[in-house]
Amino acid sequence: MTAGYLRLELRRLARDRAYLIGTIVMPLLMYLLFTNLGALSGQAKQVAAVYAMISMAAFGAIGAVLNNGGQIVEERAGGWLRQLRTTPMPPLRVVTVRAMTAMVVALPSIVVVCGAGVLLNGVRLDAGQWVRILVLLWLGVIPFALLGLAIGHGATARTLPIMNMLAYLGMAVLGGLWMPLDTFPAILRTVGRLLPTHAYGDLAWSIAFGYGIAGTDFLVLGAWLVIFGGLTVAAYRRSGRAA
């Protein structure tokens, strides 16, 4: 039953044009825009290409998993979640399948943007770096997948776009995915380093630029994983009582 439910969710998402445009096309276009405008050349352009590649891959992956939560709002309104609660599948397994779906849908953005970095901007990293970067970008999106589930179970059709936009753009900009935190005022740099988006991107940046992974990035991501996981459980239980 679990495998069948997972296949159903993936097929439904594959038909979602908004997902394809918002989480694959847009990050790709933004990456190409950020790296091909301006007067950068030589080493500076290569550094920018690598930094922006990781940033936009992360940005697209986060958008994908948050968009996954939007499907939950539609299912709540249509009664699909009420039907799921009548099946033998435990609530924890339902949430797990949702998280697995989110993990799968995050992959295309990561692969497409990184592929563009290689093919269009000449990004060159060794095989070990590529493996670690791709794995970290994929696994690091788990806290955001839980946030998407929490929003999906707690939002309404009216509040969902606002909540997603605040979470998506707010954390991306303040977390340094659009521009390095070093360019921010001191207070914003402090805030940015506490956000999961910066820890998520910094894990991959550290591999690409060779400055060593910071243990605080794992601590920050782990803390937000617990916070978003708790929000997901609370929102799921509340939506069950409301149903």
C-alpha atoms as a PDB file:
ATOM      1  CA  MET A   1       0.000   0.000   0.000  1.00  0.00           C
ATOM      2  CA  THR A   2       2.824   2.381   0.854  1.00  0.00           C
ATOM      3  CA  ALA A   3       4.589   1.786  -2.476  1.00  0.00           C
ATOM      4  CA  GLY A   4       1.335   2.266  -4.378  1.00  0.00           C
ATOM      5  CA  TYR A   5       0.631   5.518  -2.582  1.00  0.00           C
ATOM      6  CA  LEU A   6       4.137   6.760  -3.369  1.00  0.00           C
ATOM      7  CA  ARG A   7       3.733   5.927  -7.080  1.00  0.00           C
ATOM      8  CA  LEU A   8       0.387   7.734  -7.132  1.00  0.00           C
ATOM      9  CA  GLU A   9       1.881  10.867  -5.602  1.00  0.00           C
ATOM     10  CA  LEU A  10       4.784  10.913  -8.053  1.00  0.00           C
ATOM     11  CA  ARG A  11       2.519  10.472 -11.080  1.00  0.00           C
ATOM     12  CA  ARG A  12       0.287  13.299  -9.938  1.00  0.00           C
ATOM     13  CA  LEU A  13       3.245  15.615  -9.419  1.00  0.00           C
ATOM     14  CA  ALA A  14       4.717  14.805 -12.831  1.00  0.00           C
ATOM     15  CA  ARG A  15       1.567  16.290 -14.397  1.00  0.00           C
ATOM     16  CA  ASP A  16       1.874  19.506 -12.395  1.00  0.00           C
ATOM     17  CA  ARG A  17       3.051  22.249 -14.770  1.00  0.00           C
ATOM     18  CA  ALA A  18       3.451  24.748 -11.950  1.00  0.00           C
ATOM     19  CA  TYR A  19       5.990  22.419 -10.345  1.00  0.00           C
ATOM     20  CA  LEU A  20       7.956  22.060 -13.581  1.00  0.00           C
ATOM     21  CA  ILE A  21       8.071  25.802 -14.210  1.00  0.00           C
ATOM     22  CA  GLY A  22       8.528  27.028 -10.662  1.00  0.00           C
ATOM     23  CA  THR A  23      11.097  24.540  -9.415  1.00  0.00           C
ATOM     24  CA  ILE A  24      13.093  23.648 -12.527  1.00  0.00           C
ATOM     25  CA  VAL A  25      12.746  26.326 -15.190  1.00  0.00           C
ATOM     26  CA  MET A  26      12.878  29.369 -12.891  1.00  0.00           C
ATOM     27  CA  PRO A  27      16.011  28.372 -10.895  1.00  0.00           C
ATOM     28  CA  LEU A  28      17.742  27.501 -14.173  1.00  0.00           C
ATOM     29  CA  LEU A  29      16.888  30.847 -15.748  1.00  0.00           C
ATOM     30  CA  MET A  30      17.925  32.702 -12.603  1.00  0.00           C
ATOM     31  CA  TYR A  31      21.244  30.842 -12.563  1.00  0.00           C
ATOM     32  CA  LEU A  32      21.968  31.741 -16.160  1.00  0.00           C
ATOM     33  CA  LEU A  33      20.943  35.351 -15.519  1.00  0.00           C
ATOM     34  CA  PHE A  34      23.092  35.738 -12.398  1.00  0.00           C
ATOM     35  CA  THR A  35      26.183  34.274 -14.068  1.00  0.00           C
ATOM     36  CA  ASN A  36      26.028  35.871 -17.505  1.00  0.00           C
ATOM     37  CA  LEU A  37      25.300  39.488 -16.670  1.00  0.00           C
ATOM     38  CA  GLY A  38      27.925  41.909 -15.483  1.00  0.00           C
ATOM     39  CA  ALA A  39      31.616  42.395 -16.110  1.00  0.00           C
ATOM     40  CA  LEU A  40      33.047  39.383 -14.276  1.00  0.00           C
ATOM     41  CA  SER A  41      35.708  37.392 -16.085  1.00  0.00           C
ATOM     42  CA  GLY A  42      38.387  34.831 -15.437  1.00  0.00           C
ATOM     43  CA  GLN A  43      38.671  33.379 -11.932  1.00  0.00           C
ATOM     44  CA  ALA A  44      36.039  35.721 -10.492  1.00  0.00           C
ATOM     45  CA  LYS A  45      33.482  34.507 -13.009  1.00  0.00           C
ATOM     46  CA  GLN A  46      34.273  30.874 -12.215  1.00  0.00           C
ATOM     47  CA  VAL A  47      33.846  31.473  -8.497  1.00  0.00           C
ATOM     48  CA  ALA A  48      30.519  33.196  -9.150  1.00  0.00           C
ATOM     49  CA  ALA A  49      29.425  30.337 -11.418  1.00  0.00           C
ATOM     50  CA  VAL A  50      30.088  27.741  -8.708  1.00  0.00           C
ATOM     51  CA  TYR A  51      28.530  29.810  -5.925  1.00  0.00           C
ATOM     52  CA  ALA A  52      25.402  30.594  -7.941  1.00  0.00           C
ATOM     53  CA  MET A  53      25.126  27.007  -9.197  1.00  0.00           C
ATOM     54  CA  ILE A  54      24.876  25.670  -5.657  1.00  0.00           C
ATOM     55  CA  SER A  55      22.623  28.553  -4.579  1.00  0.00           C
ATOM     56  CA  MET A  56      20.116  28.085  -7.381  1.00  0.00           C
ATOM     57  CA  ALA A  57      20.159  24.287  -7.112  1.00  0.00           C
ATOM     58  CA  ALA A  58      19.333  24.685  -3.421  1.00  0.00           C
ATOM     59  CA  PHE A  59      16.738  27.359  -4.185  1.00  0.00           C
ATOM     60  CA  GLY A  60      14.969  25.116  -6.688  1.00  0.00           C
ATOM     61  CA  ALA A  61      15.076  22.093  -4.388  1.00  0.00           C
ATOM     62  CA  ILE A  62      13.540  24.069  -1.531  1.00  0.00           C
ATOM     63  CA  GLY A  63      10.833  25.377  -3.852  1.00  0.00           C
ATOM     64  CA  ALA A  64      10.058  21.845  -4.987  1.00  0.00           C
ATOM     65  CA  VAL A  65       9.521  20.473  -1.494  1.00  0.00           C
ATOM     66  CA  LEU A  66       7.490  23.486  -0.385  1.00  0.00           C
ATOM     67  CA  ASN A  67       5.312  23.133  -3.477  1.00  0.00           C
ATOM     68  CA  ASN A  68       4.698  19.534  -2.423  1.00  0.00           C
ATOM     69  CA  GLY A  69       2.914  20.892   0.636  1.00  0.00           C
ATOM     70  CA  GLY A  70       0.545  22.825  -1.591  1.00  0.00           C
ATOM     71  CA  GLN A  71      -0.896  19.554  -2.867  1.00  0.00           C
ATOM     72  CA  ILE A  72      -1.961  18.728   0.683  1.00  0.00           C
ATOM     73  CA  VAL A  73      -4.182  21.803   0.880  1.00  0.00           C
ATOM     74  CA  GLU A  74      -6.034  20.695  -2.255  1.00  0.00           C
ATOM     75  CA  GLU A  75      -6.398  17.167  -0.902  1.00  0.00           C
ATOM     76  CA  ARG A  76      -7.775  18.416   2.395  1.00  0.00           C
ATOM     77  CA  ALA A  77     -10.367  20.504   0.558  1.00  0.00           C
ATOM     78  CA  GLY A  78     -11.306  17.602  -1.713  1.00  0.00           C
ATOM     79  CA  GLY A  79     -11.626  15.061   1.077  1.00  0.00           C
ATOM     80  CA  TRP A  80      -8.700  12.894  -0.043  1.00  0.00           C
ATOM     81  CA  LEU A  81      -6.969  13.090   3.344  1.00  0.00           C
ATOM     82  CA  ARG A  82     -10.165  12.013   5.099  1.00  0.00           C
ATOM     83  CA  GLN A  83     -10.219   8.947   2.879  1.00  0.00           C
ATOM     84  CA  LEU A  84      -6.577   8.201   3.677  1.00  0.00           C
ATOM     85  CA  ARG A  85      -7.370   8.275   7.382  1.00  0.00           C
ATOM     86  CA  THR A  86      -9.885   5.465   6.859  1.00  0.00           C
ATOM     87  CA  THR A  87      -7.267   3.148   5.312  1.00  0.00           C
ATOM     88  CA  PRO A  88      -5.055   0.781   7.346  1.00  0.00           C
ATOM     89  CA  MET A  89      -2.029   2.966   6.590  1.00  0.00           C
ATOM     90  CA  PRO A  90      -0.811   4.637   9.821  1.00  0.00           C
ATOM     91  CA  PRO A  91      -0.574   8.449   9.895  1.00  0.00           C
ATOM     92  CA  LEU A  92       3.202   8.285  10.337  1.00  0.00           C
ATOM     93  CA  ARG A  93       3.482   6.279   7.124  1.00  0.00           C
ATOM     94  CA  VAL A  94       1.340   8.801   5.257  1.00  0.00           C
ATOM     95  CA  VAL A  95       3.647  11.608   6.376  1.00  0.00           C
ATOM     96  CA  THR A  96       6.709   9.491   5.517  1.00  0.00           C
ATOM     97  CA  VAL A  97       5.450   8.885   1.973  1.00  0.00           C
ATOM     98  CA  ARG A  98       4.875  12.605   1.594  1.00  0.00           C
ATOM     99  CA  ALA A  99       8.413  13.313   2.735  1.00  0.00           C
ATOM    100  CA  MET A 100       9.766  10.670   0.326  1.00  0.00           C
ATOM    101  CA  THR A 101       7.824  12.275  -2.508  1.00  0.00           C
ATOM    102  CA  ALA A 102       9.306  15.644  -1.620  1.00  0.00           C
ATOM    103  CA  MET A 103      12.813  14.175  -1.655  1.00  0.00           C
ATOM    104  CA  VAL A 104      12.258  12.746  -5.137  1.00  0.00           C
ATOM    105  CA  VAL A 105      10.860  15.972  -6.566  1.00  0.00           C
ATOM    106  CA  ALA A 106      13.851  17.934  -5.268  1.00  0.00           C
ATOM    107  CA  LEU A 107      16.263  15.979  -7.474  1.00  0.00           C
ATOM    108  CA  PRO A 108      15.413  17.439 -10.928  1.00  0.00           C
ATOM    109  CA  SER A 109      16.222  21.007  -9.913  1.00  0.00           C
ATOM    110  CA  ILE A 110      19.540  19.966  -8.378  1.00  0.00           C
ATOM    111  CA  VAL A 111      20.557  17.916 -11.411  1.00  0.00           C
ATOM    112  CA  VAL A 112      19.413  20.465 -14.018  1.00  0.00           C
ATOM    113  CA  VAL A 113      21.114  23.479 -12.434  1.00  0.00           C
ATOM    114  CA  CYS A 114      24.335  21.586 -11.745  1.00  0.00           C
ATOM    115  CA  GLY A 115      24.254  20.257 -15.296  1.00  0.00           C
ATOM    116  CA  ALA A 116      23.930  23.813 -16.591  1.00  0.00           C
ATOM    117  CA  GLY A 117      26.914  24.784 -14.485  1.00  0.00           C
ATOM    118  CA  VAL A 118      29.022  22.168 -16.239  1.00  0.00           C
ATOM    119  CA  LEU A 119      27.688  22.495 -19.776  1.00  0.00           C
ATOM    120  CA  LEU A 120      27.062  26.231 -20.021  1.00  0.00           C
ATOM    121  CA  ASN A 121      29.391  27.849 -17.483  1.00  0.00           C
ATOM    122  CA  GLY A 122      32.301  25.430 -17.547  1.00  0.00           C
ATOM    123  CA  VAL A 123      32.198  24.526 -13.840  1.00  0.00           C
ATOM    124  CA  ARG A 124      34.897  21.946 -13.133  1.00  0.00           C
ATOM    125  CA  LEU A 125      35.074  19.999  -9.871  1.00  0.00           C
ATOM    126  CA  ASP A 126      36.587  16.610  -9.165  1.00  0.00           C
ATOM    127  CA  ALA A 127      34.414  13.499  -8.917  1.00  0.00           C
ATOM    128  CA  GLY A 128      34.605  13.379  -5.134  1.00  0.00           C
ATOM    129  CA  GLN A 129      33.419  16.972  -4.841  1.00  0.00           C
ATOM    130  CA  TRP A 130      30.490  16.351  -7.183  1.00  0.00           C
ATOM    131  CA  VAL A 131      29.349  13.284  -5.257  1.00  0.00           C
ATOM    132  CA  ARG A 132      29.488  15.047  -1.891  1.00  0.00           C
ATOM    133  CA  ILE A 133      27.810  18.205  -3.203  1.00  0.00           C
ATOM    134  CA  LEU A 134      24.937  16.314  -4.821  1.00  0.00           C
ATOM    135  CA  VAL A 135      24.397  14.124  -1.767  1.00  0.00           C
ATOM    136  CA  LEU A 136      24.457  17.096   0.607  1.00  0.00           C
ATOM    137  CA  LEU A 137      22.076  19.107  -1.573  1.00  0.00           C
ATOM    138  CA  TRP A 138      19.684  16.166  -1.730  1.00  0.00           C
ATOM    139  CA  LEU A 139      19.740  15.059   1.903  1.00  0.00           C
ATOM    140  CA  GLY A 140      19.971  18.615   3.204  1.00  0.00           C
ATOM    141  CA  VAL A 141      16.535  19.417   1.817  1.00  0.00           C
ATOM    142  CA  ILE A 142      14.807  17.128   4.367  1.00  0.00           C
ATOM    143  CA  PRO A 143      14.071  19.908   6.920  1.00  0.00           C
ATOM    144  CA  PHE A 144      12.430  21.983   4.183  1.00  0.00           C
ATOM    145  CA  ALA A 145      10.372  18.974   3.101  1.00  0.00           C
ATOM    146  CA  LEU A 146       9.005  18.798   6.641  1.00  0.00           C
ATOM    147  CA  LEU A 147       8.302  22.536   6.569  1.00  0.00           C
ATOM    148  CA  GLY A 148       6.345  22.051   3.354  1.00  0.00           C
ATOM    149  CA  LEU A 149       4.274  19.325   5.005  1.00  0.00           C
ATOM    150  CA  ALA A 150       3.633  21.508   8.039  1.00  0.00           C
ATOM    151  CA  ILE A 151       2.453  24.381   5.854  1.00  0.00           C
ATOM    152  CA  GLY A 152       0.306  22.054   3.768  1.00  0.00           C
ATOM    153  CA  HIS A 153      -1.469  20.627   6.804  1.00  0.00           C
ATOM    154  CA  GLY A 154      -1.826  23.979   8.535  1.00  0.00           C
ATOM    155  CA  ALA A 155      -2.608  26.429   5.730  1.00  0.00           C
ATOM    156  CA  THR A 156      -5.755  27.121   3.753  1.00  0.00           C
ATOM    157  CA  ALA A 157      -6.032  27.760   0.030  1.00  0.00           C
ATOM    158  CA  ARG A 158      -6.029  31.496   0.819  1.00  0.00           C
ATOM    159  CA  THR A 159      -3.078  31.549   3.219  1.00  0.00           C
ATOM    160  CA  LEU A 160      -0.900  28.966   1.447  1.00  0.00           C
ATOM    161  CA  PRO A 161       0.655  31.310  -1.188  1.00  0.00           C
ATOM    162  CA  ILE A 162       1.555  33.875   1.469  1.00  0.00           C
ATOM    163  CA  MET A 163       3.064  31.318   3.839  1.00  0.00           C
ATOM    164  CA  ASN A 164       5.027  29.628   1.071  1.00  0.00           C
ATOM    165  CA  MET A 165       6.283  32.935  -0.304  1.00  0.00           C
ATOM    166  CA  LEU A 166       7.436  34.146   3.116  1.00  0.00           C
ATOM    167  CA  ALA A 167       9.185  30.871   3.832  1.00  0.00           C
ATOM    168  CA  TYR A 168      10.654  30.423   0.359  1.00  0.00           C
ATOM    169  CA  LEU A 169      11.898  33.890  -0.537  1.00  0.00           C
ATOM    170  CA  GLY A 170      12.469  35.080   3.034  1.00  0.00           C
ATOM    171  CA  MET A 171      14.763  32.239   4.007  1.00  0.00           C
ATOM    172  CA  ALA A 172      16.461  32.156   0.603  1.00  0.00           C
ATOM    173  CA  VAL A 173      17.371  35.845   0.571  1.00  0.00           C
ATOM    174  CA  LEU A 174      18.296  36.160   4.255  1.00  0.00           C
ATOM    175  CA  GLY A 175      20.130  32.827   4.171  1.00  0.00           C
ATOM    176  CA  GLY A 176      22.527  33.955   1.455  1.00  0.00           C
ATOM    177  CA  LEU A 177      21.227  31.958  -1.497  1.00  0.00           C
ATOM    178  CA  TRP A 178      20.806  35.076  -3.636  1.00  0.00           C
ATOM    179  CA  MET A 179      23.899  36.940  -2.473  1.00  0.00           C
ATOM    180  CA  PRO A 180      26.724  36.123  -0.028  1.00  0.00           C
ATOM    181  CA  LEU A 181      26.115  36.930   3.630  1.00  0.00           C
ATOM    182  CA  ASP A 182      29.373  38.898   3.654  1.00  0.00           C
ATOM    183  CA  THR A 183      27.598  41.627   1.693  1.00  0.00           C
ATOM    184  CA  PHE A 184      24.913  42.000   4.408  1.00  0.00           C
ATOM    185  CA  PRO A 185      24.931  44.348   7.420  1.00  0.00           C
ATOM    186  CA  ALA A 186      26.214  42.727  10.620  1.00  0.00           C
ATOM    187  CA  ILE A 187      22.796  42.080  12.149  1.00  0.00           C
ATOM    188  CA  LEU A 188      21.515  40.395   8.990  1.00  0.00           C
ATOM    189  CA  ARG A 189      24.660  38.262   8.779  1.00  0.00           C
ATOM    190  CA  THR A 190      23.946  37.006  12.293  1.00  0.00           C
ATOM    191  CA  VAL A 191      20.338  36.226  11.430  1.00  0.00           C
ATOM    192  CA  GLY A 192      21.337  34.567   8.156  1.00  0.00           C
ATOM    193  CA  ARG A 193      23.759  32.166   9.830  1.00  0.00           C
ATOM    194  CA  LEU A 194      20.956  30.906  12.046  1.00  0.00           C
ATOM    195  CA  LEU A 195      18.692  30.053   9.120  1.00  0.00           C
ATOM    196  CA  PRO A 196      18.555  26.554   7.623  1.00  0.00           C
ATOM    197  CA  THR A 197      18.986  27.936   4.113  1.00  0.00           C
ATOM    198  CA  HIS A 198      22.477  29.214   4.874  1.00  0.00           C
ATOM    199  CA  ALA A 199      23.541  25.997   6.598  1.00  0.00           C
ATOM    200  CA  TYR A 200      22.130  24.018   3.674  1.00  0.00           C
ATOM    201  CA  GLY A 201      24.019  26.023   1.065  1.00  0.00           C
ATOM    202  CA  ASP A 202      27.184  26.345   3.131  1.00  0.00           C
ATOM    203  CA  LEU A 203      27.636  22.571   3.375  1.00  0.00           C
ATOM    204  CA  ALA A 204      27.889  22.392  -0.426  1.00  0.00           C
ATOM    205  CA  TRP A 205      29.850  25.645  -0.798  1.00  0.00           C
ATOM    206  CA  SER A 206      32.457  24.352   1.649  1.00  0.00           C
ATOM    207  CA  ILE A 207      33.010  21.266  -0.509  1.00  0.00           C
ATOM    208  CA  ALA A 208      33.197  23.269  -3.734  1.00  0.00           C
ATOM    209  CA  PHE A 209      35.621  25.881  -2.396  1.00  0.00           C
ATOM    210  CA  GLY A 210      37.578  23.595  -0.079  1.00  0.00           C
ATOM    211  CA  TYR A 211      37.330  25.584   3.150  1.00  0.00           C
ATOM    212  CA  GLY A 212      36.091  22.702   5.311  1.00  0.00           C
ATOM    213  CA  ILE A 213      32.626  21.835   6.521  1.00  0.00           C
ATOM    214  CA  ALA A 214      31.538  23.764   9.608  1.00  0.00           C
ATOM    215  CA  GLY A 215      30.040  21.666  12.366  1.00  0.00           C
ATOM    216  CA  THR A 216      27.638  24.492  13.146  1.00  0.00           C
ATOM    217  CA  ASP A 217      25.954  23.928   9.769  1.00  0.00           C
ATOM    218  CA  PHE A 218      24.962  20.422  10.853  1.00  0.00           C
ATOM    219  CA  LEU A 219      23.787  21.743  14.222  1.00  0.00           C
ATOM    220  CA  VAL A 220      21.657  24.445  12.605  1.00  0.00           C
ATOM    221  CA  LEU A 221      20.107  22.044  10.087  1.00  0.00           C
ATOM    222  CA  GLY A 222      19.524  19.470  12.821  1.00  0.00           C
ATOM    223  CA  ALA A 223      17.819  22.007  15.054  1.00  0.00           C
ATOM    224  CA  TRP A 224      15.504  23.136  12.245  1.00  0.00           C
ATOM    225  CA  LEU A 225      14.823  19.502  11.362  1.00  0.00           C
ATOM    226  CA  VAL A 226      13.481  18.974  14.884  1.00  0.00           C
ATOM    227  CA  ILE A 227      11.504  22.235  14.810  1.00  0.00           C
ATOM    228  CA  PHE A 228       9.916  21.593  11.407  1.00  0.00           C
ATOM    229  CA  GLY A 229       9.280  17.953  12.315  1.00  0.00           C
ATOM    230  CA  GLY A 230       7.411  19.036  15.432  1.00  0.00           C
ATOM    231  CA  LEU A 231       5.386  21.544  13.425  1.00  0.00           C
ATOM    232  CA  THR A 232       4.492  18.832  10.913  1.00  0.00           C
ATOM    233  CA  VAL A 233       3.229  16.431  13.588  1.00  0.00           C
ATOM    234  CA  ALA A 234       1.230  19.181  15.294  1.00  0.00           C
ATOM    235  CA  ALA A 235      -0.289  20.408  12.010  1.00  0.00           C
ATOM    236  CA  TYR A 236      -1.176  16.868  10.916  1.00  0.00           C
ATOM    237  CA  ARG A 237      -2.948  16.131  14.183  1.00  0.00           C
ATOM    238  CA  ARG A 238      -4.784  19.446  14.097  1.00  0.00           C
ATOM    239  CA  SER A 239      -5.941  18.877  10.506  1.00  0.00           C
ATOM    240  CA  GLY A 240      -7.202  15.438  11.560  1.00  0.00           C
ATOM    241  CA  ARG A 241      -9.319  16.912  14.326  1.00  0.00           C
ATOM    242  CA  ALA A 242     -10.651  19.564  11.965  1.00  0.00           C
ATOM    243  CA  ALA A 243     -11.619  16.883   9.423  1.00  0.00           C
END
